[in-house]
Amino acid sequence: MSDVGLFAIAVVLLLACLAAGFRRWGHADLGPTGSGTVARFVLVSTAIGGILGAPFWWLDLTPSFAWDLPPVASRMLAAAAFAFGLAGIVVLERPSEARTRLYLTLIVVYLVPLALAAVLLHLDRFDFAAPVTYGFFAVVVVLSAGSLATLARPAHAANATAPCAAVSAWLLIAGIVLGLWGIALFGAPTTNYPLVFNWPKDPLSSRLIAAMLVTIALAFLLSRNDAGRARLSLVFAAAYGAGVVAACLMNMAAALLVPPLYTGGFAVVAIGSLLLLVTDRGQPGHVRVP
């Protein structure tokens, strides 16, 4: 089947799943920020699109993304998509004003710097004869603009329960480390130091990975004083960390190169986040179920 045919099937599948998503979550109480049609569209579309897109990118199918990714980077993209999808479902199933605003903020932080870098520095990487290229830019523009327009509404302050000390410390330390790593990778992706800069000859793919590092870091840092946000951020990070480790293990099984810092670092992120999710669940003064 041609790339156009596969793209058309993906669009039809997405529209069908979006219809089901709006049927389930179209009347969810997402707080004042998420009350508008645009906000609901962004939330549901990101959650559904992330879950649907993850298998295509995990399989590293040629027509599934706007530029050709190394196999492990494609699977790390799939992990990011799944993390956004799972976190979006958490927000939609257990909505609140704080979690809605955090999720929209993460969409902006992930997409906007990547889009600007792609247009200003890497436009030559895109094949404008391929329909997926237009799909990529359409998704980025719609979700970014919708999130920014929604976040422009005044925030409604609410009382927040602080997470336990262990969660706050984890979010602060891991957030700083991941933030510095992501900023370095995004700002200097061609640095010849493979432990940290894994694709020096592919700066656009490096910036794609860096955008997720910065996004998780910001999620952690913005959640240190709010138990509901903290739990959402831990779910988000655990899903991505587990996906990155699985992607690296698949490379090992295929006798391909594995980025050791990514494997070890995100194993720590996944395990640490999961342990805190399990051990603090339901404890007074600790992280509560969203």
C-alpha atoms as a PDB file:
ATOM      1  CA  MET A   1       0.000   0.000   0.000  1.00  0.00           C
ATOM      2  CA  SER A   2       1.204   3.513  -0.821  1.00  0.00           C
ATOM      3  CA  ASP A   3       2.194   6.083   1.798  1.00  0.00           C
ATOM      4  CA  VAL A   4      -0.890   8.115   0.861  1.00  0.00           C
ATOM      5  CA  GLY A   5      -3.120   5.094   1.469  1.00  0.00           C
ATOM      6  CA  LEU A   6      -1.561   4.391   4.874  1.00  0.00           C
ATOM      7  CA  PHE A   7      -1.871   8.046   5.816  1.00  0.00           C
ATOM      8  CA  ALA A   8      -5.553   8.054   4.822  1.00  0.00           C
ATOM      9  CA  ILE A   9      -6.208   4.956   6.955  1.00  0.00           C
ATOM     10  CA  ALA A  10      -4.469   6.598   9.926  1.00  0.00           C
ATOM     11  CA  VAL A  11      -6.608   9.736   9.530  1.00  0.00           C
ATOM     12  CA  VAL A  12      -9.850   7.736   9.375  1.00  0.00           C
ATOM     13  CA  LEU A  13      -8.810   5.723  12.446  1.00  0.00           C
ATOM     14  CA  LEU A  14      -7.952   8.919  14.305  1.00  0.00           C
ATOM     15  CA  LEU A  15     -11.290  10.544  13.470  1.00  0.00           C
ATOM     16  CA  ALA A  16     -13.197   7.454  14.606  1.00  0.00           C
ATOM     17  CA  CYS A  17     -11.314   7.312  17.896  1.00  0.00           C
ATOM     18  CA  LEU A  18     -11.744  11.052  18.434  1.00  0.00           C
ATOM     19  CA  ALA A  19     -15.497  10.637  18.011  1.00  0.00           C
ATOM     20  CA  ALA A  20     -15.454   7.908  20.667  1.00  0.00           C
ATOM     21  CA  GLY A  21     -13.282  10.079  22.904  1.00  0.00           C
ATOM     22  CA  PHE A  22     -15.601  13.055  22.700  1.00  0.00           C
ATOM     23  CA  ARG A  23     -18.551  10.794  23.411  1.00  0.00           C
ATOM     24  CA  ARG A  24     -16.867   9.677  26.644  1.00  0.00           C
ATOM     25  CA  TRP A  25     -15.177  12.897  27.777  1.00  0.00           C
ATOM     26  CA  GLY A  26     -17.133  15.613  26.007  1.00  0.00           C
ATOM     27  CA  HIS A  27     -18.899  16.586  29.239  1.00  0.00           C
ATOM     28  CA  ALA A  28     -16.088  15.988  31.739  1.00  0.00           C
ATOM     29  CA  ASP A  29     -15.625  18.794  34.284  1.00  0.00           C
ATOM     30  CA  LEU A  30     -12.116  19.934  33.348  1.00  0.00           C
ATOM     31  CA  GLY A  31     -12.273  23.092  35.434  1.00  0.00           C
ATOM     32  CA  PRO A  32     -12.755  26.644  34.125  1.00  0.00           C
ATOM     33  CA  THR A  33      -9.649  26.416  31.904  1.00  0.00           C
ATOM     34  CA  GLY A  34     -10.885  23.300  30.139  1.00  0.00           C
ATOM     35  CA  SER A  35     -14.502  24.357  29.772  1.00  0.00           C
ATOM     36  CA  GLY A  36     -14.276  25.602  26.181  1.00  0.00           C
ATOM     37  CA  THR A  37     -14.559  23.622  22.965  1.00  0.00           C
ATOM     38  CA  VAL A  38     -10.961  24.389  21.985  1.00  0.00           C
ATOM     39  CA  ALA A  39      -9.582  23.154  25.305  1.00  0.00           C
ATOM     40  CA  ARG A  40     -11.559  19.935  25.128  1.00  0.00           C
ATOM     41  CA  PHE A  41     -10.464  19.357  21.552  1.00  0.00           C
ATOM     42  CA  VAL A  42      -6.798  19.790  22.477  1.00  0.00           C
ATOM     43  CA  LEU A  43      -7.027  17.514  25.517  1.00  0.00           C
ATOM     44  CA  VAL A  44      -8.937  14.708  23.817  1.00  0.00           C
ATOM     45  CA  SER A  45      -6.945  14.949  20.566  1.00  0.00           C
ATOM     46  CA  THR A  46      -3.591  14.789  22.347  1.00  0.00           C
ATOM     47  CA  ALA A  47      -4.619  11.852  24.514  1.00  0.00           C
ATOM     48  CA  ILE A  48      -6.149   9.856  21.654  1.00  0.00           C
ATOM     49  CA  GLY A  49      -3.473  10.840  19.126  1.00  0.00           C
ATOM     50  CA  GLY A  50      -0.677   9.841  21.490  1.00  0.00           C
ATOM     51  CA  ILE A  51      -2.105   6.390  22.129  1.00  0.00           C
ATOM     52  CA  LEU A  52      -2.836   5.804  18.423  1.00  0.00           C
ATOM     53  CA  GLY A  53       0.467   7.162  17.127  1.00  0.00           C
ATOM     54  CA  ALA A  54       2.686   5.213  19.524  1.00  0.00           C
ATOM     55  CA  PRO A  55       2.431   1.813  17.755  1.00  0.00           C
ATOM     56  CA  PHE A  56       3.244   3.337  14.339  1.00  0.00           C
ATOM     57  CA  TRP A  57       6.373   5.051  15.665  1.00  0.00           C
ATOM     58  CA  TRP A  58       7.360   2.022  17.728  1.00  0.00           C
ATOM     59  CA  LEU A  59       7.375  -0.092  14.564  1.00  0.00           C
ATOM     60  CA  ASP A  60       9.417   2.654  12.835  1.00  0.00           C
ATOM     61  CA  LEU A  61       7.181   2.594   9.769  1.00  0.00           C
ATOM     62  CA  THR A  62       8.558   4.781   6.969  1.00  0.00           C
ATOM     63  CA  PRO A  63       5.454   6.909   6.292  1.00  0.00           C
ATOM     64  CA  SER A  64       4.592   7.384   9.979  1.00  0.00           C
ATOM     65  CA  PHE A  65       6.620  10.522  10.736  1.00  0.00           C
ATOM     66  CA  ALA A  66       7.704  13.722   9.027  1.00  0.00           C
ATOM     67  CA  TRP A  67      11.394  12.785   8.855  1.00  0.00           C
ATOM     68  CA  ASP A  68      13.388   9.567   8.996  1.00  0.00           C
ATOM     69  CA  LEU A  69      14.346   8.719  12.579  1.00  0.00           C
ATOM     70  CA  PRO A  70      16.967   6.277  13.864  1.00  0.00           C
ATOM     71  CA  PRO A  71      15.113   3.160  15.161  1.00  0.00           C
ATOM     72  CA  VAL A  72      15.737   3.828  18.858  1.00  0.00           C
ATOM     73  CA  ALA A  73      14.765   7.502  18.464  1.00  0.00           C
ATOM     74  CA  SER A  74      11.558   6.465  16.716  1.00  0.00           C
ATOM     75  CA  ARG A  75      10.708   4.209  19.654  1.00  0.00           C
ATOM     76  CA  MET A  76      11.569   6.984  22.100  1.00  0.00           C
ATOM     77  CA  LEU A  77       9.107   9.153  20.171  1.00  0.00           C
ATOM     78  CA  ALA A  78       6.558   6.352  20.586  1.00  0.00           C
ATOM     79  CA  ALA A  79       7.260   6.354  24.322  1.00  0.00           C
ATOM     80  CA  ALA A  80       6.671  10.127  24.430  1.00  0.00           C
ATOM     81  CA  ALA A  81       3.407   9.732  22.526  1.00  0.00           C
ATOM     82  CA  PHE A  82       2.236   6.998  24.893  1.00  0.00           C
ATOM     83  CA  ALA A  83       3.214   9.102  27.924  1.00  0.00           C
ATOM     84  CA  PHE A  84       1.171  12.043  26.620  1.00  0.00           C
ATOM     85  CA  GLY A  85      -1.711   9.701  25.820  1.00  0.00           C
ATOM     86  CA  LEU A  86      -1.725   8.061  29.249  1.00  0.00           C
ATOM     87  CA  ALA A  87      -1.349  11.379  31.091  1.00  0.00           C
ATOM     88  CA  GLY A  88      -4.155  12.844  28.991  1.00  0.00           C
ATOM     89  CA  ILE A  89      -6.464   9.985  29.934  1.00  0.00           C
ATOM     90  CA  VAL A  90      -5.612  10.549  33.613  1.00  0.00           C
ATOM     91  CA  VAL A  91      -6.582  14.214  33.251  1.00  0.00           C
ATOM     92  CA  LEU A  92      -9.808  13.377  31.431  1.00  0.00           C
ATOM     93  CA  GLU A  93     -10.809  10.612  33.856  1.00  0.00           C
ATOM     94  CA  ARG A  94      -9.814  12.525  37.032  1.00  0.00           C
ATOM     95  CA  PRO A  95     -10.029  16.150  35.907  1.00  0.00           C
ATOM     96  CA  SER A  96      -9.111  19.264  37.849  1.00  0.00           C
ATOM     97  CA  GLU A  97      -8.170  22.823  37.001  1.00  0.00           C
ATOM     98  CA  ALA A  98      -4.553  22.329  38.086  1.00  0.00           C
ATOM     99  CA  ARG A  99      -4.011  19.142  36.085  1.00  0.00           C
ATOM    100  CA  THR A 100      -5.717  20.581  33.021  1.00  0.00           C
ATOM    101  CA  ARG A 101      -3.421  23.614  32.999  1.00  0.00           C
ATOM    102  CA  LEU A 102      -0.339  21.490  33.635  1.00  0.00           C
ATOM    103  CA  TYR A 103      -1.164  19.167  30.744  1.00  0.00           C
ATOM    104  CA  LEU A 104      -1.739  22.046  28.334  1.00  0.00           C
ATOM    105  CA  THR A 105       1.526  23.625  29.455  1.00  0.00           C
ATOM    106  CA  LEU A 106       3.403  20.404  28.724  1.00  0.00           C
ATOM    107  CA  ILE A 107       1.946  20.299  25.202  1.00  0.00           C
ATOM    108  CA  VAL A 108       3.246  23.815  24.545  1.00  0.00           C
ATOM    109  CA  VAL A 109       6.690  23.125  26.005  1.00  0.00           C
ATOM    110  CA  TYR A 110       7.058  19.954  23.946  1.00  0.00           C
ATOM    111  CA  LEU A 111       5.800  21.252  20.607  1.00  0.00           C
ATOM    112  CA  VAL A 112       6.644  24.941  20.278  1.00  0.00           C
ATOM    113  CA  PRO A 113      10.482  24.846  20.625  1.00  0.00           C
ATOM    114  CA  LEU A 114      10.632  21.776  18.384  1.00  0.00           C
ATOM    115  CA  ALA A 115       8.470  23.428  15.734  1.00  0.00           C
ATOM    116  CA  LEU A 116      10.519  26.620  15.764  1.00  0.00           C
ATOM    117  CA  ALA A 117      13.783  24.660  15.476  1.00  0.00           C
ATOM    118  CA  ALA A 118      12.342  22.583  12.632  1.00  0.00           C
ATOM    119  CA  VAL A 119      11.239  25.623  10.632  1.00  0.00           C
ATOM    120  CA  LEU A 120      14.263  27.817  11.298  1.00  0.00           C
ATOM    121  CA  LEU A 121      17.057  25.217  11.240  1.00  0.00           C
ATOM    122  CA  HIS A 122      15.931  21.924   9.737  1.00  0.00           C
ATOM    123  CA  LEU A 123      13.374  22.568   7.013  1.00  0.00           C
ATOM    124  CA  ASP A 124      15.543  20.628   4.556  1.00  0.00           C
ATOM    125  CA  ARG A 125      14.772  17.410   6.485  1.00  0.00           C
ATOM    126  CA  PHE A 126      11.115  17.471   5.444  1.00  0.00           C
ATOM    127  CA  ASP A 127       9.720  15.885   2.300  1.00  0.00           C
ATOM    128  CA  PHE A 128       6.888  18.160   1.215  1.00  0.00           C
ATOM    129  CA  ALA A 129       5.712  15.596  -1.299  1.00  0.00           C
ATOM    130  CA  ALA A 130       4.736  13.320   1.596  1.00  0.00           C
ATOM    131  CA  PRO A 131       1.303  13.878   3.207  1.00  0.00           C
ATOM    132  CA  VAL A 132       2.655  13.082   6.680  1.00  0.00           C
ATOM    133  CA  THR A 133       4.722  16.300   6.557  1.00  0.00           C
ATOM    134  CA  TYR A 134       1.577  18.407   6.279  1.00  0.00           C
ATOM    135  CA  GLY A 135      -0.052  16.289   8.962  1.00  0.00           C
ATOM    136  CA  PHE A 136       2.891  16.937  11.284  1.00  0.00           C
ATOM    137  CA  PHE A 137       2.777  20.712  10.885  1.00  0.00           C
ATOM    138  CA  ALA A 138      -1.020  20.772  11.124  1.00  0.00           C
ATOM    139  CA  VAL A 139      -0.971  18.877  14.417  1.00  0.00           C
ATOM    140  CA  VAL A 140       1.778  21.089  15.844  1.00  0.00           C
ATOM    141  CA  VAL A 141       0.027  24.328  14.883  1.00  0.00           C
ATOM    142  CA  VAL A 142      -3.449  23.280  16.036  1.00  0.00           C
ATOM    143  CA  LEU A 143      -2.389  21.792  19.377  1.00  0.00           C
ATOM    144  CA  SER A 144       0.101  24.574  20.167  1.00  0.00           C
ATOM    145  CA  ALA A 145      -2.279  27.402  19.251  1.00  0.00           C
ATOM    146  CA  GLY A 146      -5.185  25.750  21.046  1.00  0.00           C
ATOM    147  CA  SER A 147      -3.141  25.184  24.202  1.00  0.00           C
ATOM    148  CA  LEU A 148      -1.761  28.724  24.224  1.00  0.00           C
ATOM    149  CA  ALA A 149      -5.200  30.250  23.677  1.00  0.00           C
ATOM    150  CA  THR A 150      -6.620  28.184  26.519  1.00  0.00           C
ATOM    151  CA  LEU A 151      -3.772  28.959  28.906  1.00  0.00           C
ATOM    152  CA  ALA A 152      -4.256  32.672  28.223  1.00  0.00           C
ATOM    153  CA  ARG A 153      -7.388  32.505  30.347  1.00  0.00           C
ATOM    154  CA  PRO A 154      -6.851  33.601  33.948  1.00  0.00           C
ATOM    155  CA  ALA A 155      -5.911  30.765  36.270  1.00  0.00           C
ATOM    156  CA  HIS A 156      -8.358  29.976  39.064  1.00  0.00           C
ATOM    157  CA  ALA A 157      -6.460  29.449  42.311  1.00  0.00           C
ATOM    158  CA  ALA A 158      -7.397  26.433  44.394  1.00  0.00           C
ATOM    159  CA  ASN A 159      -6.145  24.924  47.604  1.00  0.00           C
ATOM    160  CA  ALA A 160      -3.499  22.296  46.899  1.00  0.00           C
ATOM    161  CA  THR A 161      -2.246  19.489  49.128  1.00  0.00           C
ATOM    162  CA  ALA A 162       1.540  19.323  49.132  1.00  0.00           C
ATOM    163  CA  PRO A 163       3.102  15.956  48.303  1.00  0.00           C
ATOM    164  CA  CYS A 164       5.273  14.187  50.846  1.00  0.00           C
ATOM    165  CA  ALA A 165       8.904  15.205  51.306  1.00  0.00           C
ATOM    166  CA  ALA A 166      10.236  12.250  49.315  1.00  0.00           C
ATOM    167  CA  VAL A 167       8.099  13.122  46.301  1.00  0.00           C
ATOM    168  CA  SER A 168       9.018  16.815  46.483  1.00  0.00           C
ATOM    169  CA  ALA A 169      12.724  15.982  46.710  1.00  0.00           C
ATOM    170  CA  TRP A 170      12.503  13.556  43.782  1.00  0.00           C
ATOM    171  CA  LEU A 171      10.663  16.066  41.621  1.00  0.00           C
ATOM    172  CA  LEU A 172      13.183  18.792  42.393  1.00  0.00           C
ATOM    173  CA  ILE A 173      16.368  16.749  41.900  1.00  0.00           C
ATOM    174  CA  ALA A 174      15.205  14.770  38.869  1.00  0.00           C
ATOM    175  CA  GLY A 175      13.650  17.898  37.368  1.00  0.00           C
ATOM    176  CA  ILE A 176      16.909  19.849  37.566  1.00  0.00           C
ATOM    177  CA  VAL A 177      19.004  16.991  36.144  1.00  0.00           C
ATOM    178  CA  LEU A 178      16.629  16.267  33.270  1.00  0.00           C
ATOM    179  CA  GLY A 179      16.227  19.966  32.549  1.00  0.00           C
ATOM    180  CA  LEU A 180      19.965  20.581  32.270  1.00  0.00           C
ATOM    181  CA  TRP A 181      20.377  17.472  30.114  1.00  0.00           C
ATOM    182  CA  GLY A 182      17.538  18.489  27.813  1.00  0.00           C
ATOM    183  CA  ILE A 183      18.705  22.091  27.445  1.00  0.00           C
ATOM    184  CA  ALA A 184      22.248  20.959  26.613  1.00  0.00           C
ATOM    185  CA  LEU A 185      20.984  18.436  24.052  1.00  0.00           C
ATOM    186  CA  PHE A 186      18.601  20.922  22.448  1.00  0.00           C
ATOM    187  CA  GLY A 187      21.113  23.754  22.347  1.00  0.00           C
ATOM    188  CA  ALA A 188      24.176  21.835  21.153  1.00  0.00           C
ATOM    189  CA  PRO A 189      22.902  18.628  19.495  1.00  0.00           C
ATOM    190  CA  THR A 190      25.983  18.157  17.274  1.00  0.00           C
ATOM    191  CA  THR A 191      28.428  17.917  20.195  1.00  0.00           C
ATOM    192  CA  ASN A 192      30.727  14.928  19.715  1.00  0.00           C
ATOM    193  CA  TYR A 193      30.167  13.306  23.104  1.00  0.00           C
ATOM    194  CA  PRO A 194      28.012  10.200  22.488  1.00  0.00           C
ATOM    195  CA  LEU A 195      27.206   9.509  26.130  1.00  0.00           C
ATOM    196  CA  VAL A 196      24.941  12.572  26.274  1.00  0.00           C
ATOM    197  CA  PHE A 197      24.660  13.700  22.630  1.00  0.00           C
ATOM    198  CA  ASN A 198      23.667  10.433  21.061  1.00  0.00           C
ATOM    199  CA  TRP A 199      22.978  11.584  17.470  1.00  0.00           C
ATOM    200  CA  PRO A 200      25.490  14.352  16.674  1.00  0.00           C
ATOM    201  CA  LYS A 201      24.914  13.865  12.933  1.00  0.00           C
ATOM    202  CA  ASP A 202      21.133  14.133  13.303  1.00  0.00           C
ATOM    203  CA  PRO A 203      20.467  17.338  15.262  1.00  0.00           C
ATOM    204  CA  LEU A 204      16.732  17.415  14.521  1.00  0.00           C
ATOM    205  CA  SER A 205      16.210  13.959  16.052  1.00  0.00           C
ATOM    206  CA  SER A 206      18.375  14.993  19.006  1.00  0.00           C
ATOM    207  CA  ARG A 207      16.171  18.041  19.552  1.00  0.00           C
ATOM    208  CA  LEU A 208      13.083  15.837  19.379  1.00  0.00           C
ATOM    209  CA  ILE A 209      14.437  13.783  22.292  1.00  0.00           C
ATOM    210  CA  ALA A 210      15.632  16.923  24.106  1.00  0.00           C
ATOM    211  CA  ALA A 211      12.142  18.437  23.944  1.00  0.00           C
ATOM    212  CA  MET A 212      10.772  15.508  25.957  1.00  0.00           C
ATOM    213  CA  LEU A 213      13.550  15.752  28.535  1.00  0.00           C
ATOM    214  CA  VAL A 214      12.733  19.428  29.092  1.00  0.00           C
ATOM    215  CA  THR A 215       8.999  18.661  29.192  1.00  0.00           C
ATOM    216  CA  ILE A 216       9.376  16.053  31.929  1.00  0.00           C
ATOM    217  CA  ALA A 217      11.706  18.374  33.841  1.00  0.00           C
ATOM    218  CA  LEU A 218       9.143  21.175  33.741  1.00  0.00           C
ATOM    219  CA  ALA A 219       6.350  18.792  34.763  1.00  0.00           C
ATOM    220  CA  PHE A 220       8.401  17.800  37.818  1.00  0.00           C
ATOM    221  CA  LEU A 221       9.348  21.325  38.798  1.00  0.00           C
ATOM    222  CA  LEU A 222       5.806  22.686  38.413  1.00  0.00           C
ATOM    223  CA  SER A 223       4.387  19.840  40.515  1.00  0.00           C
ATOM    224  CA  ARG A 224       6.558  20.035  43.628  1.00  0.00           C
ATOM    225  CA  ASN A 225       3.912  21.767  45.731  1.00  0.00           C
ATOM    226  CA  ASP A 226       0.746  20.113  44.431  1.00  0.00           C
ATOM    227  CA  ALA A 227      -0.004  16.449  45.127  1.00  0.00           C
ATOM    228  CA  GLY A 228      -2.488  16.125  42.269  1.00  0.00           C
ATOM    229  CA  ARG A 229      -0.059  17.530  39.739  1.00  0.00           C
ATOM    230  CA  ALA A 230       2.751  15.475  41.248  1.00  0.00           C
ATOM    231  CA  ARG A 231       0.905  12.221  40.651  1.00  0.00           C
ATOM    232  CA  LEU A 232       0.156  13.182  37.057  1.00  0.00           C
ATOM    233  CA  SER A 233       3.830  14.050  36.496  1.00  0.00           C
ATOM    234  CA  LEU A 234       4.963  10.748  38.006  1.00  0.00           C
ATOM    235  CA  VAL A 235       2.629   8.822  35.687  1.00  0.00           C
ATOM    236  CA  PHE A 236       3.912  10.839  32.732  1.00  0.00           C
ATOM    237  CA  ALA A 237       7.584  10.249  33.580  1.00  0.00           C
ATOM    238  CA  ALA A 238       7.177   6.574  34.481  1.00  0.00           C
ATOM    239  CA  ALA A 239       5.455   5.831  31.159  1.00  0.00           C
ATOM    240  CA  TYR A 240       8.167   7.586  29.179  1.00  0.00           C
ATOM    241  CA  GLY A 241      11.020   6.102  31.198  1.00  0.00           C
ATOM    242  CA  ALA A 242       9.718   2.560  30.798  1.00  0.00           C
ATOM    243  CA  GLY A 243       9.271   3.139  27.062  1.00  0.00           C
ATOM    244  CA  VAL A 244      12.828   4.430  26.632  1.00  0.00           C
ATOM    245  CA  VAL A 245      14.253   1.423  28.467  1.00  0.00           C
ATOM    246  CA  ALA A 246      12.167  -0.939  26.307  1.00  0.00           C
ATOM    247  CA  ALA A 247      13.401   0.845  23.160  1.00  0.00           C
ATOM    248  CA  CYS A 248      17.012   0.417  24.252  1.00  0.00           C
ATOM    249  CA  LEU A 249      16.462  -3.251  25.082  1.00  0.00           C
ATOM    250  CA  MET A 250      15.043  -3.809  21.593  1.00  0.00           C
ATOM    251  CA  ASN A 251      18.221  -2.329  20.129  1.00  0.00           C
ATOM    252  CA  MET A 252      20.266  -4.695  22.287  1.00  0.00           C
ATOM    253  CA  ALA A 253      18.220  -7.666  21.079  1.00  0.00           C
ATOM    254  CA  ALA A 254      18.883  -6.608  17.474  1.00  0.00           C
ATOM    255  CA  ALA A 255      22.628  -6.208  18.169  1.00  0.00           C
ATOM    256  CA  LEU A 256      22.387  -2.457  17.533  1.00  0.00           C
ATOM    257  CA  LEU A 257      24.086   0.313  19.485  1.00  0.00           C
ATOM    258  CA  VAL A 258      22.408   1.304  22.731  1.00  0.00           C
ATOM    259  CA  PRO A 259      22.753   4.745  24.369  1.00  0.00           C
ATOM    260  CA  PRO A 260      23.902   3.719  27.880  1.00  0.00           C
ATOM    261  CA  LEU A 261      23.070   6.966  29.659  1.00  0.00           C
ATOM    262  CA  TYR A 262      19.538   6.958  28.270  1.00  0.00           C
ATOM    263  CA  THR A 263      19.056   3.313  29.272  1.00  0.00           C
ATOM    264  CA  GLY A 264      20.351   3.756  32.806  1.00  0.00           C
ATOM    265  CA  GLY A 265      19.014   7.251  33.374  1.00  0.00           C
ATOM    266  CA  PHE A 266      15.481   6.471  32.310  1.00  0.00           C
ATOM    267  CA  ALA A 267      15.482   3.174  34.153  1.00  0.00           C
ATOM    268  CA  VAL A 268      16.063   5.276  37.279  1.00  0.00           C
ATOM    269  CA  VAL A 269      13.331   7.731  36.234  1.00  0.00           C
ATOM    270  CA  ALA A 270      10.818   4.929  35.595  1.00  0.00           C
ATOM    271  CA  ILE A 271      11.591   2.944  38.743  1.00  0.00           C
ATOM    272  CA  GLY A 272      11.789   5.992  40.997  1.00  0.00           C
ATOM    273  CA  SER A 273       8.519   7.412  39.697  1.00  0.00           C
ATOM    274  CA  LEU A 274       6.703   4.069  39.921  1.00  0.00           C
ATOM    275  CA  LEU A 275       7.929   3.434  43.462  1.00  0.00           C
ATOM    276  CA  LEU A 276       6.696   6.825  44.596  1.00  0.00           C
ATOM    277  CA  LEU A 277       3.356   6.265  42.897  1.00  0.00           C
ATOM    278  CA  VAL A 278       2.908   2.949  44.719  1.00  0.00           C
ATOM    279  CA  THR A 279       4.331   3.737  48.148  1.00  0.00           C
ATOM    280  CA  ASP A 280       2.632   7.133  48.577  1.00  0.00           C
ATOM    281  CA  ARG A 281      -0.770   6.140  47.293  1.00  0.00           C
ATOM    282  CA  GLY A 282      -3.500   7.072  49.674  1.00  0.00           C
ATOM    283  CA  GLN A 283      -1.218   8.125  52.537  1.00  0.00           C
ATOM    284  CA  PRO A 284      -2.318  11.213  54.477  1.00  0.00           C
ATOM    285  CA  GLY A 285      -0.414  14.289  53.384  1.00  0.00           C
ATOM    286  CA  HIS A 286       1.155  12.346  50.542  1.00  0.00           C
ATOM    287  CA  VAL A 287       0.418  12.198  46.838  1.00  0.00           C
ATOM    288  CA  ARG A 288      -3.259  11.472  46.288  1.00  0.00           C
ATOM    289  CA  VAL A 289      -4.980   9.736  43.386  1.00  0.00           C
ATOM    290  CA  PRO A 290      -5.832  12.434  40.801  1.00  0.00           C
END
